[in-house]
All heavy atoms as atom14 arrays in JSON, in Angstrom:
{
  "sequence": "DPIDMIRKARLADRKRSRLYYYFKTRAISPNNKLGPIDPASTKWREEV",
  "atom14_mask": [
    [1, 1, 1, 1, 1, 1, 1, 1, 0, 0, 0, 0, 0, 0],
    [1, 1, 1, 1, 1, 1, 1, 0, 0, 0, 0, 0, 0, 0],
    [1, 1, 1, 1, 1, 1, 1, 1, 0, 0, 0, 0, 0, 0],
    [1, 1, 1, 1, 1, 1, 1, 1, 0, 0, 0, 0, 0, 0],
    [1, 1, 1, 1, 1, 1, 1, 1, 0, 0, 0, 0, 0, 0],
    [1, 1, 1, 1, 1, 1, 1, 1, 0, 0, 0, 0, 0, 0],
    [1, 1, 1, 1, 1, 1, 1, 1, 1, 1, 1, 0, 0, 0],
    [1, 1, 1, 1, 1, 1, 1, 1, 1, 0, 0, 0, 0, 0],
    [1, 1, 1, 1, 1, 0, 0, 0, 0, 0, 0, 0, 0, 0],
    [1, 1, 1, 1, 1, 1, 1, 1, 1, 1, 1, 0, 0, 0],
    [1, 1, 1, 1, 1, 1, 1, 1, 0, 0, 0, 0, 0, 0],
    [1, 1, 1, 1, 1, 0, 0, 0, 0, 0, 0, 0, 0, 0],
    [1, 1, 1, 1, 1, 1, 1, 1, 0, 0, 0, 0, 0, 0],
    [1, 1, 1, 1, 1, 1, 1, 1, 1, 1, 1, 0, 0, 0],
    [1, 1, 1, 1, 1, 1, 1, 1, 1, 0, 0, 0, 0, 0],
    [1, 1, 1, 1, 1, 1, 1, 1, 1, 1, 1, 0, 0, 0],
    [1, 1, 1, 1, 1, 1, 0, 0, 0, 0, 0, 0, 0, 0],
    [1, 1, 1, 1, 1, 1, 1, 1, 1, 1, 1, 0, 0, 0],
    [1, 1, 1, 1, 1, 1, 1, 1, 0, 0, 0, 0, 0, 0],
    [1, 1, 1, 1, 1, 1, 1, 1, 1, 1, 1, 1, 0, 0],
    [1, 1, 1, 1, 1, 1, 1, 1, 1, 1, 1, 1, 0, 0],
    [1, 1, 1, 1, 1, 1, 1, 1, 1, 1, 1, 1, 0, 0],
    [1, 1, 1, 1, 1, 1, 1, 1, 1, 1, 1, 0, 0, 0],
    [1, 1, 1, 1, 1, 1, 1, 1, 1, 0, 0, 0, 0, 0],
    [1, 1, 1, 1, 1, 1, 1, 0, 0, 0, 0, 0, 0, 0],
    [1, 1, 1, 1, 1, 1, 1, 1, 1, 1, 1, 0, 0, 0],
    [1, 1, 1, 1, 1, 0, 0, 0, 0, 0, 0, 0, 0, 0],
    [1, 1, 1, 1, 1, 1, 1, 1, 0, 0, 0, 0, 0, 0],
    [1, 1, 1, 1, 1, 1, 0, 0, 0, 0, 0, 0, 0, 0],
    [1, 1, 1, 1, 1, 1, 1, 0, 0, 0, 0, 0, 0, 0],
    [1, 1, 1, 1, 1, 1, 1, 1, 0, 0, 0, 0, 0, 0],
    [1, 1, 1, 1, 1, 1, 1, 1, 0, 0, 0, 0, 0, 0],
    [1, 1, 1, 1, 1, 1, 1, 1, 1, 0, 0, 0, 0, 0],
    [1, 1, 1, 1, 1, 1, 1, 1, 0, 0, 0, 0, 0, 0],
    [1, 1, 1, 1, 0, 0, 0, 0, 0, 0, 0, 0, 0, 0],
    [1, 1, 1, 1, 1, 1, 1, 0, 0, 0, 0, 0, 0, 0],
    [1, 1, 1, 1, 1, 1, 1, 1, 0, 0, 0, 0, 0, 0],
    [1, 1, 1, 1, 1, 1, 1, 1, 0, 0, 0, 0, 0, 0],
    [1, 1, 1, 1, 1, 1, 1, 0, 0, 0, 0, 0, 0, 0],
    [1, 1, 1, 1, 1, 0, 0, 0, 0, 0, 0, 0, 0, 0],
    [1, 1, 1, 1, 1, 1, 0, 0, 0, 0, 0, 0, 0, 0],
    [1, 1, 1, 1, 1, 1, 1, 0, 0, 0, 0, 0, 0, 0],
    [1, 1, 1, 1, 1, 1, 1, 1, 1, 0, 0, 0, 0, 0],
    [1, 1, 1, 1, 1, 1, 1, 1, 1, 1, 1, 1, 1, 1],
    [1, 1, 1, 1, 1, 1, 1, 1, 1, 1, 1, 0, 0, 0],
    [1, 1, 1, 1, 1, 1, 1, 1, 1, 0, 0, 0, 0, 0],
    [1, 1, 1, 1, 1, 1, 1, 1, 1, 0, 0, 0, 0, 0],
    [1, 1, 1, 1, 1, 1, 1, 0, 0, 0, 0, 0, 0, 0]
  ],
  "atom14_positions": [
    [[102.66, 83.31, 107.05], [102.34, 82.17, 107.91], [103.0, 80.9, 107.43], [103.57, 80.17, 108.28], [100.81, 81.97, 108.0], [100.19, 82.85, 109.1], [100.93, 83.25, 110.03], [98.98, 83.1, 109.03], [0.0, 0.0, 0.0], [0.0, 0.0, 0.0], [0.0, 0.0, 0.0], [0.0, 0.0, 0.0], [0.0, 0.0, 0.0], [0.0, 0.0, 0.0]],
    [[102.98, 80.54, 106.15], [103.7, 79.35, 105.72], [105.2, 79.44, 106.07], [105.8, 78.46, 106.53], [103.5, 79.32, 104.19], [102.18, 79.99, 104.01], [102.16, 81.11, 105.04], [0.0, 0.0, 0.0], [0.0, 0.0, 0.0], [0.0, 0.0, 0.0], [0.0, 0.0, 0.0], [0.0, 0.0, 0.0], [0.0, 0.0, 0.0], [0.0, 0.0, 0.0]],
    [[105.82, 80.6, 105.82], [107.22, 80.72, 106.15], [107.5, 80.61, 107.61], [108.49, 80.0, 108.06], [107.78, 82.07, 105.58], [107.91, 81.97, 104.04], [109.12, 82.41, 106.2], [108.43, 83.23, 103.39], [0.0, 0.0, 0.0], [0.0, 0.0, 0.0], [0.0, 0.0, 0.0], [0.0, 0.0, 0.0], [0.0, 0.0, 0.0], [0.0, 0.0, 0.0]],
    [[106.59, 81.15, 108.44], [106.77, 81.04, 109.9], [106.74, 79.59, 110.29], [107.52, 79.17, 111.13], [105.67, 81.82, 110.57], [105.86, 81.86, 112.08], [106.97, 82.19, 112.53], [104.91, 81.55, 112.82], [0.0, 0.0, 0.0], [0.0, 0.0, 0.0], [0.0, 0.0, 0.0], [0.0, 0.0, 0.0], [0.0, 0.0, 0.0], [0.0, 0.0, 0.0]],
    [[105.87, 78.79, 109.72], [105.78, 77.39, 110.02], [107.0, 76.63, 109.5], [107.57, 75.76, 110.18], [104.52, 76.77, 109.43], [103.22, 77.39, 109.94], [103.07, 77.42, 111.75], [103.15, 75.68, 112.15], [0.0, 0.0, 0.0], [0.0, 0.0, 0.0], [0.0, 0.0, 0.0], [0.0, 0.0, 0.0], [0.0, 0.0, 0.0], [0.0, 0.0, 0.0]],
    [[107.47, 77.02, 108.28], [108.68, 76.42, 107.71], [109.87, 76.71, 108.58], [110.73, 75.84, 108.83], [108.84, 76.93, 106.28], [107.78, 76.36, 105.37], [110.25, 76.57, 105.75], [107.72, 77.03, 104.02], [0.0, 0.0, 0.0], [0.0, 0.0, 0.0], [0.0, 0.0, 0.0], [0.0, 0.0, 0.0], [0.0, 0.0, 0.0], [0.0, 0.0, 0.0]],
    [[109.95, 77.94, 109.07], [111.09, 78.34, 109.91], [111.1, 77.57, 111.23], [112.12, 76.99, 111.64], [111.05, 79.83, 110.23], [112.14, 80.35, 111.11], [111.96, 81.79, 111.43], [110.72, 82.03, 112.16], [110.59, 81.85, 113.51], [111.65, 81.44, 114.21], [109.44, 82.06, 114.08], [0.0, 0.0, 0.0], [0.0, 0.0, 0.0], [0.0, 0.0, 0.0]],
    [[109.92, 77.45, 111.86], [109.86, 76.75, 113.13], [110.16, 75.25, 113.0], [110.73, 74.64, 113.87], [108.45, 76.97, 113.71], [108.18, 78.36, 114.24], [106.77, 78.53, 114.76], [106.52, 79.93, 115.26], [105.1, 80.15, 115.69], [0.0, 0.0, 0.0], [0.0, 0.0, 0.0], [0.0, 0.0, 0.0], [0.0, 0.0, 0.0], [0.0, 0.0, 0.0]],
    [[109.7, 74.71, 111.84], [109.9, 73.31, 111.63], [111.28, 72.98, 111.04], [111.62, 71.82, 110.87], [108.85, 72.77, 110.65], [0.0, 0.0, 0.0], [0.0, 0.0, 0.0], [0.0, 0.0, 0.0], [0.0, 0.0, 0.0], [0.0, 0.0, 0.0], [0.0, 0.0, 0.0], [0.0, 0.0, 0.0], [0.0, 0.0, 0.0], [0.0, 0.0, 0.0]],
    [[112.04, 74.03, 110.75], [113.42, 73.9, 110.25], [113.43, 73.14, 108.93], [114.32, 72.29, 108.65], [114.33, 73.22, 111.26], [114.48, 74.01, 112.55], [115.33, 73.29, 113.57], [115.68, 74.09, 114.75], [114.87, 74.28, 115.79], [113.71, 73.67, 115.81], [115.24, 75.04, 116.79], [0.0, 0.0, 0.0], [0.0, 0.0, 0.0], [0.0, 0.0, 0.0]],
    [[112.46, 73.41, 108.07], [112.39, 72.72, 106.75], [113.4, 73.3, 105.79], [113.92, 72.6, 104.92], [110.99, 72.84, 106.2], [110.02, 71.68, 106.45], [109.71, 71.56, 107.94], [108.72, 71.87, 105.69], [0.0, 0.0, 0.0], [0.0, 0.0, 0.0], [0.0, 0.0, 0.0], [0.0, 0.0, 0.0], [0.0, 0.0, 0.0], [0.0, 0.0, 0.0]],
    [[113.62, 74.62, 105.9], [114.57, 75.26, 105.0], [115.75, 75.79, 105.79], [115.67, 76.04, 107.02], [113.87, 76.45, 104.27], [0.0, 0.0, 0.0], [0.0, 0.0, 0.0], [0.0, 0.0, 0.0], [0.0, 0.0, 0.0], [0.0, 0.0, 0.0], [0.0, 0.0, 0.0], [0.0, 0.0, 0.0], [0.0, 0.0, 0.0], [0.0, 0.0, 0.0]],
    [[116.87, 76.03, 105.11], [118.07, 76.53, 105.75], [117.78, 77.96, 106.24], [117.57, 78.88, 105.49], [119.21, 76.59, 104.74], [120.53, 76.91, 105.37], [120.6, 77.81, 106.23], [121.54, 76.25, 105.0], [0.0, 0.0, 0.0], [0.0, 0.0, 0.0], [0.0, 0.0, 0.0], [0.0, 0.0, 0.0], [0.0, 0.0, 0.0], [0.0, 0.0, 0.0]],
    [[117.77, 78.1, 107.56], [117.31, 79.37, 108.14], [118.39, 80.49, 108.01], [118.04, 81.66, 108.15], [116.96, 79.17, 109.6], [115.8, 78.19, 109.77], [115.13, 78.29, 111.12], [115.99, 77.94, 112.21], [115.63, 78.04, 113.54], [114.44, 78.48, 113.85], [116.48, 77.68, 114.48], [0.0, 0.0, 0.0], [0.0, 0.0, 0.0], [0.0, 0.0, 0.0]],
    [[119.57, 80.14, 107.76], [120.64, 81.17, 107.62], [120.76, 81.67, 106.19], [121.1, 82.8, 105.93], [121.98, 80.61, 108.09], [122.05, 80.36, 109.57], [123.44, 79.91, 110.0], [123.55, 79.7, 111.53], [124.86, 79.26, 111.94], [0.0, 0.0, 0.0], [0.0, 0.0, 0.0], [0.0, 0.0, 0.0], [0.0, 0.0, 0.0], [0.0, 0.0, 0.0]],
    [[120.46, 80.8, 105.23], [120.69, 81.2, 103.81], [119.4, 81.46, 103.04], [119.43, 82.13, 102.01], [121.47, 80.07, 103.1], [122.86, 79.86, 103.7], [123.67, 78.86, 102.82], [122.92, 77.58, 102.71], [122.82, 76.9, 101.58], [123.37, 77.35, 100.49], [122.19, 75.74, 101.53], [0.0, 0.0, 0.0], [0.0, 0.0, 0.0], [0.0, 0.0, 0.0]],
    [[118.27, 80.98, 103.52], [116.99, 81.23, 102.79], [116.57, 82.66, 102.97], [116.85, 83.32, 103.98], [115.94, 80.26, 103.34], [116.24, 78.93, 103.06], [0.0, 0.0, 0.0], [0.0, 0.0, 0.0], [0.0, 0.0, 0.0], [0.0, 0.0, 0.0], [0.0, 0.0, 0.0], [0.0, 0.0, 0.0], [0.0, 0.0, 0.0], [0.0, 0.0, 0.0]],
    [[115.84, 83.16, 101.97], [115.44, 84.59, 101.99], [114.01, 84.72, 101.51], [113.54, 83.93, 100.69], [116.4, 85.42, 101.08], [117.81, 85.49, 101.48], [118.0, 86.4, 102.69], [119.43, 86.54, 103.05], [120.02, 85.7, 103.88], [119.39, 84.69, 104.41], [121.32, 85.89, 104.16], [0.0, 0.0, 0.0], [0.0, 0.0, 0.0], [0.0, 0.0, 0.0]],
    [[113.36, 85.76, 102.01], [112.07, 86.14, 101.49], [112.21, 87.51, 100.81], [112.65, 88.48, 101.4], [111.06, 86.3, 102.65], [109.78, 87.04, 102.27], [108.95, 86.3, 101.24], [108.91, 87.24, 103.53], [0.0, 0.0, 0.0], [0.0, 0.0, 0.0], [0.0, 0.0, 0.0], [0.0, 0.0, 0.0], [0.0, 0.0, 0.0], [0.0, 0.0, 0.0]],
    [[111.81, 87.54, 99.53], [111.78, 88.83, 98.81], [110.33, 89.25, 98.81], [109.44, 88.62, 98.17], [112.31, 88.67, 97.38], [113.8, 88.64, 97.35], [114.48, 87.44, 97.5], [114.54, 89.81, 97.12], [115.87, 87.4, 97.5], [115.92, 89.76, 97.1], [116.59, 88.56, 97.3], [117.96, 88.52, 97.25], [0.0, 0.0, 0.0], [0.0, 0.0, 0.0]],
    [[110.06, 90.37, 99.49], [108.69, 90.81, 99.75], [108.55, 92.25, 99.25], [109.06, 93.21, 99.83], [108.36, 90.7, 101.25], [107.08, 91.36, 101.69], [105.86, 90.79, 101.36], [107.1, 92.54, 102.47], [104.66, 91.39, 101.78], [105.92, 93.13, 102.85], [104.71, 92.57, 102.51], [103.55, 93.18, 102.93], [0.0, 0.0, 0.0], [0.0, 0.0, 0.0]],
    [[107.81, 92.42, 98.12], [107.66, 93.72, 97.5], [108.98, 94.45, 97.36], [109.87, 93.95, 96.72], [106.65, 94.53, 98.3], [105.25, 94.0, 98.21], [104.65, 93.35, 99.26], [104.49, 94.14, 97.03], [103.39, 92.79, 99.17], [103.23, 93.62, 96.92], [102.67, 92.95, 97.99], [101.41, 92.42, 97.89], [0.0, 0.0, 0.0], [0.0, 0.0, 0.0]],
    [[109.19, 95.59, 98.02], [110.41, 96.32, 97.86], [111.39, 96.11, 99.06], [112.29, 96.87, 99.32], [110.1, 97.84, 97.77], [109.26, 98.1, 96.53], [107.9, 98.41, 96.74], [109.75, 98.08, 95.26], [107.1, 98.68, 95.61], [108.95, 98.31, 94.18], [107.63, 98.62, 94.34], [0.0, 0.0, 0.0], [0.0, 0.0, 0.0], [0.0, 0.0, 0.0]],
    [[111.13, 95.02, 99.8], [111.95, 94.74, 100.93], [112.32, 93.25, 100.9], [111.71, 92.47, 100.2], [111.22, 95.06, 102.23], [110.88, 96.5, 102.4], [110.24, 96.75, 103.75], [109.91, 98.28, 103.93], [109.3, 98.56, 105.27], [0.0, 0.0, 0.0], [0.0, 0.0, 0.0], [0.0, 0.0, 0.0], [0.0, 0.0, 0.0], [0.0, 0.0, 0.0]],
    [[113.33, 92.88, 101.66], [113.71, 91.51, 101.79], [113.79, 91.12, 103.27], [114.05, 91.97, 104.13], [115.1, 91.22, 101.1], [115.37, 89.83, 101.18], [116.21, 91.98, 101.77], [0.0, 0.0, 0.0], [0.0, 0.0, 0.0], [0.0, 0.0, 0.0], [0.0, 0.0, 0.0], [0.0, 0.0, 0.0], [0.0, 0.0, 0.0], [0.0, 0.0, 0.0]],
    [[113.56, 89.88, 103.57], [113.59, 89.5, 104.97], [114.22, 88.09, 105.07], [113.87, 87.17, 104.32], [112.19, 89.38, 105.58], [112.22, 88.97, 107.0], [110.85, 89.17, 107.68], [109.88, 88.21, 107.16], [108.68, 88.07, 107.66], [108.27, 88.81, 108.65], [107.81, 87.21, 107.17], [0.0, 0.0, 0.0], [0.0, 0.0, 0.0], [0.0, 0.0, 0.0]],
    [[115.2, 87.98, 105.92], [115.82, 86.7, 106.16], [114.85, 85.78, 106.96], [114.05, 86.27, 107.73], [117.13, 86.83, 106.93], [0.0, 0.0, 0.0], [0.0, 0.0, 0.0], [0.0, 0.0, 0.0], [0.0, 0.0, 0.0], [0.0, 0.0, 0.0], [0.0, 0.0, 0.0], [0.0, 0.0, 0.0], [0.0, 0.0, 0.0], [0.0, 0.0, 0.0]],
    [[114.97, 84.48, 106.77], [114.15, 83.55, 107.51], [114.51, 83.58, 109.0], [113.72, 83.42, 109.89], [114.28, 82.15, 106.95], [113.85, 82.12, 105.47], [113.41, 81.13, 107.72], [112.43, 82.56, 105.23], [0.0, 0.0, 0.0], [0.0, 0.0, 0.0], [0.0, 0.0, 0.0], [0.0, 0.0, 0.0], [0.0, 0.0, 0.0], [0.0, 0.0, 0.0]],
    [[115.83, 83.74, 109.25], [116.32, 83.7, 110.6], [117.58, 84.53, 110.68], [118.18, 84.8, 109.65], [116.61, 82.25, 111.0], [116.94, 82.15, 112.37], [0.0, 0.0, 0.0], [0.0, 0.0, 0.0], [0.0, 0.0, 0.0], [0.0, 0.0, 0.0], [0.0, 0.0, 0.0], [0.0, 0.0, 0.0], [0.0, 0.0, 0.0], [0.0, 0.0, 0.0]],
    [[118.01, 85.0, 111.79], [117.47, 84.74, 113.18], [116.41, 85.74, 113.63], [115.63, 85.44, 114.54], [118.67, 84.85, 114.05], [119.53, 85.87, 113.39], [119.3, 85.69, 111.9], [0.0, 0.0, 0.0], [0.0, 0.0, 0.0], [0.0, 0.0, 0.0], [0.0, 0.0, 0.0], [0.0, 0.0, 0.0], [0.0, 0.0, 0.0], [0.0, 0.0, 0.0]],
    [[116.35, 86.94, 113.03], [115.45, 87.94, 113.63], [114.3, 88.35, 112.66], [113.46, 89.16, 113.06], [116.26, 89.2, 114.03], [117.15, 89.73, 112.89], [116.83, 89.5, 111.74], [118.2, 90.38, 113.23], [0.0, 0.0, 0.0], [0.0, 0.0, 0.0], [0.0, 0.0, 0.0], [0.0, 0.0, 0.0], [0.0, 0.0, 0.0], [0.0, 0.0, 0.0]],
    [[114.29, 87.85, 111.44], [113.22, 88.12, 110.47], [113.03, 89.61, 110.21], [111.93, 90.03, 109.87], [111.9, 87.54, 110.97], [111.88, 86.04, 110.83], [112.59, 85.45, 110.02], [111.07, 85.38, 111.66], [0.0, 0.0, 0.0], [0.0, 0.0, 0.0], [0.0, 0.0, 0.0], [0.0, 0.0, 0.0], [0.0, 0.0, 0.0], [0.0, 0.0, 0.0]],
    [[114.08, 90.43, 110.33], [113.93, 91.86, 110.11], [113.82, 92.15, 108.62], [114.47, 91.57, 107.79], [115.13, 92.61, 110.72], [115.05, 92.7, 112.23], [116.19, 93.59, 112.72], [116.13, 93.82, 114.25], [117.2, 94.67, 114.76], [0.0, 0.0, 0.0], [0.0, 0.0, 0.0], [0.0, 0.0, 0.0], [0.0, 0.0, 0.0], [0.0, 0.0, 0.0]],
    [[112.92, 93.1, 108.31], [112.76, 93.55, 106.93], [113.84, 94.56, 106.62], [114.15, 95.41, 107.44], [111.4, 94.15, 106.74], [110.2, 93.22, 106.65], [108.91, 93.94, 106.78], [110.23, 92.39, 105.4], [0.0, 0.0, 0.0], [0.0, 0.0, 0.0], [0.0, 0.0, 0.0], [0.0, 0.0, 0.0], [0.0, 0.0, 0.0], [0.0, 0.0, 0.0]],
    [[114.38, 94.5, 105.41], [115.36, 95.45, 105.0], [115.15, 95.85, 103.56], [114.58, 95.1, 102.82], [0.0, 0.0, 0.0], [0.0, 0.0, 0.0], [0.0, 0.0, 0.0], [0.0, 0.0, 0.0], [0.0, 0.0, 0.0], [0.0, 0.0, 0.0], [0.0, 0.0, 0.0], [0.0, 0.0, 0.0], [0.0, 0.0, 0.0], [0.0, 0.0, 0.0]],
    [[115.59, 97.05, 103.14], [115.37, 97.47, 101.79], [116.21, 96.71, 100.81], [117.28, 96.2, 101.14], [115.81, 98.95, 101.84], [116.78, 99.04, 102.97], [116.27, 98.04, 103.98], [0.0, 0.0, 0.0], [0.0, 0.0, 0.0], [0.0, 0.0, 0.0], [0.0, 0.0, 0.0], [0.0, 0.0, 0.0], [0.0, 0.0, 0.0], [0.0, 0.0, 0.0]],
    [[115.69, 96.62, 99.57], [116.4, 95.97, 98.47], [116.99, 97.04, 97.57], [116.3, 97.97, 97.14], [115.51, 95.07, 97.64], [114.97, 93.9, 98.51], [116.21, 94.5, 96.44], [113.99, 93.03, 97.79], [0.0, 0.0, 0.0], [0.0, 0.0, 0.0], [0.0, 0.0, 0.0], [0.0, 0.0, 0.0], [0.0, 0.0, 0.0], [0.0, 0.0, 0.0]],
    [[118.26, 96.93, 97.28], [118.93, 97.82, 96.34], [119.06, 97.11, 95.0], [119.91, 96.21, 94.89], [120.31, 98.26, 96.86], [121.02, 99.19, 95.91], [120.38, 99.64, 94.91], [122.23, 99.44, 96.07], [0.0, 0.0, 0.0], [0.0, 0.0, 0.0], [0.0, 0.0, 0.0], [0.0, 0.0, 0.0], [0.0, 0.0, 0.0], [0.0, 0.0, 0.0]],
    [[118.25, 97.41, 94.02], [118.28, 96.69, 92.76], [119.65, 96.68, 92.08], [120.05, 95.71, 91.42], [117.28, 97.41, 91.87], [116.34, 98.05, 92.83], [117.17, 98.44, 94.04], [0.0, 0.0, 0.0], [0.0, 0.0, 0.0], [0.0, 0.0, 0.0], [0.0, 0.0, 0.0], [0.0, 0.0, 0.0], [0.0, 0.0, 0.0], [0.0, 0.0, 0.0]],
    [[120.41, 97.75, 92.31], [121.73, 97.85, 91.69], [122.76, 96.91, 92.28], [123.65, 96.45, 91.62], [122.24, 99.28, 91.8], [0.0, 0.0, 0.0], [0.0, 0.0, 0.0], [0.0, 0.0, 0.0], [0.0, 0.0, 0.0], [0.0, 0.0, 0.0], [0.0, 0.0, 0.0], [0.0, 0.0, 0.0], [0.0, 0.0, 0.0], [0.0, 0.0, 0.0]],
    [[122.59, 96.61, 93.56], [123.59, 95.8, 94.25], [123.12, 94.36, 94.53], [123.9, 93.5, 94.91], [124.02, 96.46, 95.57], [122.94, 96.55, 96.45], [0.0, 0.0, 0.0], [0.0, 0.0, 0.0], [0.0, 0.0, 0.0], [0.0, 0.0, 0.0], [0.0, 0.0, 0.0], [0.0, 0.0, 0.0], [0.0, 0.0, 0.0], [0.0, 0.0, 0.0]],
    [[121.81, 94.14, 94.35], [121.28, 92.79, 94.66], [121.7, 91.83, 93.51], [121.4, 92.04, 92.34], [119.75, 92.8, 94.7], [119.33, 93.66, 95.77], [119.19, 91.4, 94.94], [0.0, 0.0, 0.0], [0.0, 0.0, 0.0], [0.0, 0.0, 0.0], [0.0, 0.0, 0.0], [0.0, 0.0, 0.0], [0.0, 0.0, 0.0], [0.0, 0.0, 0.0]],
    [[122.37, 90.77, 93.92], [122.85, 89.78, 92.95], [121.78, 88.7, 92.77], [121.88, 87.59, 93.28], [124.21, 89.18, 93.43], [125.27, 90.19, 93.52], [126.59, 89.54, 93.99], [127.74, 90.58, 94.07], [129.02, 89.97, 94.54], [0.0, 0.0, 0.0], [0.0, 0.0, 0.0], [0.0, 0.0, 0.0], [0.0, 0.0, 0.0], [0.0, 0.0, 0.0]],
    [[120.73, 89.12, 92.1], [119.53, 88.28, 91.94], [119.87, 86.96, 91.22], [119.43, 85.9, 91.66], [118.47, 89.03, 91.19], [117.24, 88.24, 90.87], [116.79, 87.87, 89.67], [116.29, 87.69, 91.83], [115.65, 87.13, 89.75], [115.3, 87.0, 91.1], [116.2, 87.73, 93.2], [114.23, 86.35, 91.67], [115.11, 87.09, 93.81], [114.17, 86.4, 93.05]],
    [[120.6, 87.06, 90.14], [120.91, 85.81, 89.4], [121.68, 84.85, 90.24], [121.37, 83.67, 90.26], [121.75, 86.21, 88.13], [122.1, 85.02, 87.27], [122.92, 85.44, 86.05], [123.34, 84.3, 85.24], [122.61, 83.73, 84.29], [121.39, 84.19, 84.06], [123.06, 82.69, 83.63], [0.0, 0.0, 0.0], [0.0, 0.0, 0.0], [0.0, 0.0, 0.0]],
    [[122.71, 85.33, 90.93], [123.5, 84.43, 91.78], [122.66, 83.9, 92.93], [122.84, 82.76, 93.33], [124.71, 85.2, 92.35], [125.77, 85.55, 91.33], [125.46, 86.86, 90.59], [124.33, 87.35, 90.67], [126.37, 87.36, 89.87], [0.0, 0.0, 0.0], [0.0, 0.0, 0.0], [0.0, 0.0, 0.0], [0.0, 0.0, 0.0], [0.0, 0.0, 0.0]],
    [[121.76, 84.72, 93.43], [120.91, 84.28, 94.53], [120.02, 83.14, 94.12], [119.91, 82.14, 94.81], [120.05, 85.46, 95.02], [119.16, 85.2, 96.23], [119.87, 85.42, 97.56], [120.72, 84.57, 97.91], [119.56, 86.43, 98.22], [0.0, 0.0, 0.0], [0.0, 0.0, 0.0], [0.0, 0.0, 0.0], [0.0, 0.0, 0.0], [0.0, 0.0, 0.0]],
    [[119.38, 83.31, 92.97], [118.45, 82.27, 92.49], [119.2, 81.0, 92.06], [118.81, 79.9, 92.5], [117.62, 82.81, 91.28], [116.85, 81.69, 90.6], [116.7, 83.93, 91.74], [0.0, 0.0, 0.0], [0.0, 0.0, 0.0], [0.0, 0.0, 0.0], [0.0, 0.0, 0.0], [0.0, 0.0, 0.0], [0.0, 0.0, 0.0], [0.0, 0.0, 0.0]]
  ]
}
């Protein structure tokens, strides 16, 4: 819910911001689709 409000209010960059949710990741925009995270290929350090 907070992210939904943040997305609608355009508080965060909707193209580059990300949600890491358990074993999946979801972009803030445009479609908010959940996708699997591959620990081996996820560039976590660079992302953060």
